[in-house]
Amino acid sequence: MPLTCWYSNVRNNVSHTVWRAIARQVASEYNNRCGVCGGRGDRHPVECHEEWSYKHGVSDTGEKRYVQTLEGMIALCPMCHKVKHIGFAHEQGLLHEAIGQLMFVNQWDEDQVSSYLRLVWETWHARNEVIWDLDISALSRYGVRPDGSEIQKASSRTTAGYKRPSSEVFLLNKKRT
């Protein structure tokens, strides 16, 4: 998720009660199993993860428009969720665990992981160059009317003071033979 989109997500746009209801519904749809690896966490089986697309185009007035669109939700075990937020996993000191899960699930070697993480970094960096509008209309699938009372104003938290990690944090060191 681009830095400019942090806190512009479902969780910060609905009440805690609505978020918990959505998370329970998603977990139930996946039978409390991870939608990627089929596993479950120790403390809690799965976490609700938002799936987004990022598109750009031109508005009716001719202005460039960038839209972060909610495509749906997926239940993920805590380790697969860390992979989806690998930069955050790094911030938490859990990068190696997340990389291990990425390698295990995809049956990748270190070179494949390094290539993938370079691409992730480049994509993240490019998406940080613009401000994204938020489209959460897909919440209707979960019984939430995006124009209704379930939606609240996004959190006032900002990314001020955040220090972007260097690209090196996403690259694996090759084993020396």
Protein backbone atom coordinates (compact mmCIF):
# COMPACT_ATOMS: atom_id res chain seq x y z
CA MET A 1 0.00 0.00 0.00
CA PRO A 2 1.47 3.36 -0.97
CA LEU A 3 2.60 5.65 1.82
CA THR A 4 0.08 8.22 0.62
CA CYS A 5 -2.73 5.68 1.26
CA TRP A 6 -1.81 4.73 4.81
CA TYR A 7 -4.87 5.06 7.06
CA SER A 8 -7.16 5.45 4.02
CA ASN A 9 -8.49 1.95 4.35
CA VAL A 10 -11.68 0.18 5.35
CA ARG A 11 -10.77 -0.16 9.03
CA ASN A 12 -10.34 3.60 9.38
CA ASN A 13 -13.50 4.40 7.43
CA VAL A 14 -16.00 2.28 9.36
CA SER A 15 -16.77 1.89 13.03
CA HIS A 16 -14.96 -0.74 15.09
CA THR A 17 -18.23 -2.71 15.31
CA VAL A 18 -18.68 -2.71 11.52
CA TRP A 19 -15.02 -3.69 10.96
CA ARG A 20 -15.34 -6.62 13.40
CA ALA A 21 -18.52 -7.79 11.62
CA ILE A 22 -16.78 -7.66 8.24
CA ALA A 23 -13.73 -9.50 9.61
CA ARG A 24 -15.95 -12.25 11.10
CA GLN A 25 -17.85 -12.60 7.81
CA VAL A 26 -14.62 -12.89 5.81
CA ALA A 27 -13.15 -15.42 8.27
CA SER A 28 -16.34 -17.47 8.02
CA GLU A 29 -16.26 -17.38 4.20
CA TYR A 30 -12.78 -18.90 4.38
CA ASN A 31 -13.70 -21.39 7.14
CA ASN A 32 -11.18 -19.67 9.43
CA ARG A 33 -8.37 -20.78 7.12
CA CYS A 34 -5.84 -18.68 5.24
CA GLY A 35 -6.89 -17.94 1.68
CA VAL A 36 -3.26 -18.29 0.55
CA CYS A 37 -1.68 -21.19 2.43
CA GLY A 38 -4.67 -22.82 4.15
CA GLY A 39 -3.01 -22.40 7.53
CA ARG A 40 -4.07 -20.83 10.79
CA GLY A 41 -2.38 -18.67 13.37
CA ASP A 42 -1.67 -19.65 16.96
CA ARG A 43 -3.25 -16.69 18.80
CA HIS A 44 -6.04 -16.19 16.28
CA PRO A 45 -6.69 -18.26 13.16
CA VAL A 46 -6.95 -15.54 10.50
CA GLU A 47 -6.87 -11.79 9.93
CA CYS A 48 -8.95 -9.80 7.46
CA HIS A 49 -6.91 -8.33 4.62
CA GLU A 50 -8.15 -5.77 2.13
CA GLU A 51 -7.36 -6.38 -1.54
CA TRP A 52 -6.83 -3.19 -3.54
CA SER A 53 -6.27 -2.17 -7.12
CA TYR A 54 -4.62 1.07 -8.18
CA LYS A 55 -5.76 2.75 -11.37
CA HIS A 56 -5.29 6.09 -12.98
CA GLY A 57 -7.28 7.93 -15.59
CA VAL A 58 -8.88 11.26 -16.38
CA SER A 59 -11.90 12.74 -14.61
CA ASP A 60 -14.90 14.27 -16.38
CA THR A 61 -13.22 17.66 -15.97
CA GLY A 62 -10.02 16.48 -17.65
CA GLU A 63 -7.93 16.23 -14.48
CA LYS A 64 -5.69 13.25 -13.79
CA ARG A 65 -7.28 10.98 -11.22
CA TYR A 66 -5.71 8.16 -9.23
CA VAL A 67 -8.03 5.71 -7.49
CA GLN A 68 -7.29 3.11 -4.84
CA THR A 69 -10.22 0.67 -5.21
CA LEU A 70 -11.25 -1.97 -2.73
CA GLU A 71 -11.68 -5.18 -4.73
CA GLY A 72 -12.58 -7.45 -1.83
CA MET A 73 -11.36 -9.04 1.37
CA ILE A 74 -9.45 -12.22 2.08
CA ALA A 75 -8.74 -14.14 5.27
CA LEU A 76 -5.01 -14.57 5.86
CA CYS A 77 -3.07 -16.35 8.56
CA PRO A 78 -0.88 -13.91 10.50
CA MET A 79 2.29 -14.99 8.63
CA CYS A 80 0.77 -14.56 5.15
CA HIS A 81 -0.63 -11.20 6.32
CA LYS A 82 2.91 -10.15 7.24
CA VAL A 83 4.00 -11.04 3.71
CA LYS A 84 1.26 -8.82 2.28
CA HIS A 85 2.59 -5.97 4.44
CA ILE A 86 6.26 -6.87 4.20
CA GLY A 87 7.44 -3.30 4.77
CA PHE A 88 5.49 -3.20 8.02
CA ALA A 89 6.86 -6.63 8.92
CA HIS A 90 10.33 -5.14 8.50
CA GLU A 91 9.42 -2.24 10.79
CA GLN A 92 8.30 -4.80 13.40
CA GLY A 93 11.55 -6.77 13.11
CA LEU A 94 9.76 -9.67 11.40
CA LEU A 95 11.18 -9.39 7.88
CA HIS A 96 13.01 -12.73 7.95
CA GLU A 97 9.88 -14.56 9.14
CA ALA A 98 7.83 -12.93 6.37
CA ILE A 99 10.46 -13.81 3.77
CA GLY A 100 10.50 -17.39 5.05
CA GLN A 101 6.72 -17.60 4.57
CA LEU A 102 6.98 -16.06 1.10
CA MET A 103 9.61 -18.63 0.12
CA PHE A 104 7.63 -21.52 1.62
CA VAL A 105 4.25 -20.67 0.06
CA ASN A 106 5.67 -19.97 -3.40
CA GLN A 107 8.47 -22.54 -3.23
CA TRP A 108 10.91 -19.81 -4.23
CA ASP A 109 14.64 -19.61 -3.74
CA GLU A 110 16.44 -16.49 -2.52
CA ASP A 111 17.01 -15.14 -6.04
CA GLN A 112 13.29 -15.36 -6.84
CA VAL A 113 12.40 -13.64 -3.58
CA SER A 114 14.96 -10.89 -4.21
CA SER A 115 13.55 -10.26 -7.69
CA TYR A 116 10.02 -10.17 -6.35
CA LEU A 117 10.91 -7.80 -3.50
CA ARG A 118 12.71 -5.46 -5.90
CA LEU A 119 9.53 -5.29 -7.99
CA VAL A 120 7.43 -4.71 -4.86
CA TRP A 121 9.76 -1.89 -3.80
CA GLU A 122 9.71 -0.26 -7.25
CA THR A 123 5.91 -0.44 -7.44
CA TRP A 124 5.52 0.95 -3.92
CA HIS A 125 7.94 3.79 -4.64
CA ALA A 126 6.16 4.74 -7.90
CA ARG A 127 2.74 4.71 -6.22
CA ASN A 128 4.02 7.04 -3.52
CA GLU A 129 4.41 9.82 -6.09
CA VAL A 130 0.68 10.58 -6.27
CA ILE A 131 -2.32 11.11 -4.00
CA TRP A 132 -4.96 8.41 -4.36
CA ASP A 133 -8.74 8.78 -4.06
CA LEU A 134 -10.44 6.00 -2.12
CA ASP A 135 -13.21 3.82 -3.56
CA ILE A 136 -14.69 1.46 -0.99
CA SER A 137 -17.96 0.80 -2.81
CA ALA A 138 -17.17 -2.94 -2.72
CA LEU A 139 -18.19 -2.84 0.94
CA SER A 140 -21.75 -3.36 -0.25
CA ARG A 141 -20.80 -7.07 -0.59
CA TYR A 142 -20.43 -7.09 3.19
CA GLY A 143 -23.70 -5.34 3.93
CA VAL A 144 -22.16 -1.88 4.29
CA ARG A 145 -23.57 1.01 2.31
CA PRO A 146 -20.55 3.21 1.42
CA ASP A 147 -22.81 6.26 1.39
CA GLY A 148 -24.55 5.29 4.63
CA SER A 149 -24.13 5.81 8.33
CA GLU A 150 -21.68 2.89 8.61
CA ILE A 151 -18.99 5.03 7.01
CA GLN A 152 -17.10 7.46 9.16
CA LYS A 153 -14.49 10.04 8.30
CA ALA A 154 -11.02 8.58 7.85
CA SER A 155 -8.59 8.79 10.72
CA SER A 156 -6.79 12.07 11.14
CA ARG A 157 -3.52 10.21 11.57
CA THR A 158 -1.01 11.10 8.91
CA THR A 159 2.29 9.85 7.64
CA ALA A 160 4.10 12.97 8.85
CA GLY A 161 7.44 12.09 10.28
CA TYR A 162 7.55 8.68 8.66
CA LYS A 163 10.99 7.78 7.40
CA ARG A 164 10.87 5.73 4.22
CA PRO A 165 12.98 2.60 4.45
CA SER A 166 15.80 2.29 2.01
CA SER A 167 15.36 -0.21 -0.81
CA GLU A 168 18.09 -2.33 0.69
CA VAL A 169 15.77 -3.58 3.43
CA PHE A 170 13.82 -5.49 0.80
CA LEU A 171 16.79 -7.23 -0.76
CA LEU A 172 18.15 -10.52 0.46
CA ASN A 173 21.81 -11.01 0.97
CA LYS A 174 23.08 -13.89 -1.12
CA LYS A 175 24.63 -16.74 0.79
CA ARG A 176 28.35 -16.74 0.54
CA THR A 177 29.85 -20.07 -0.41
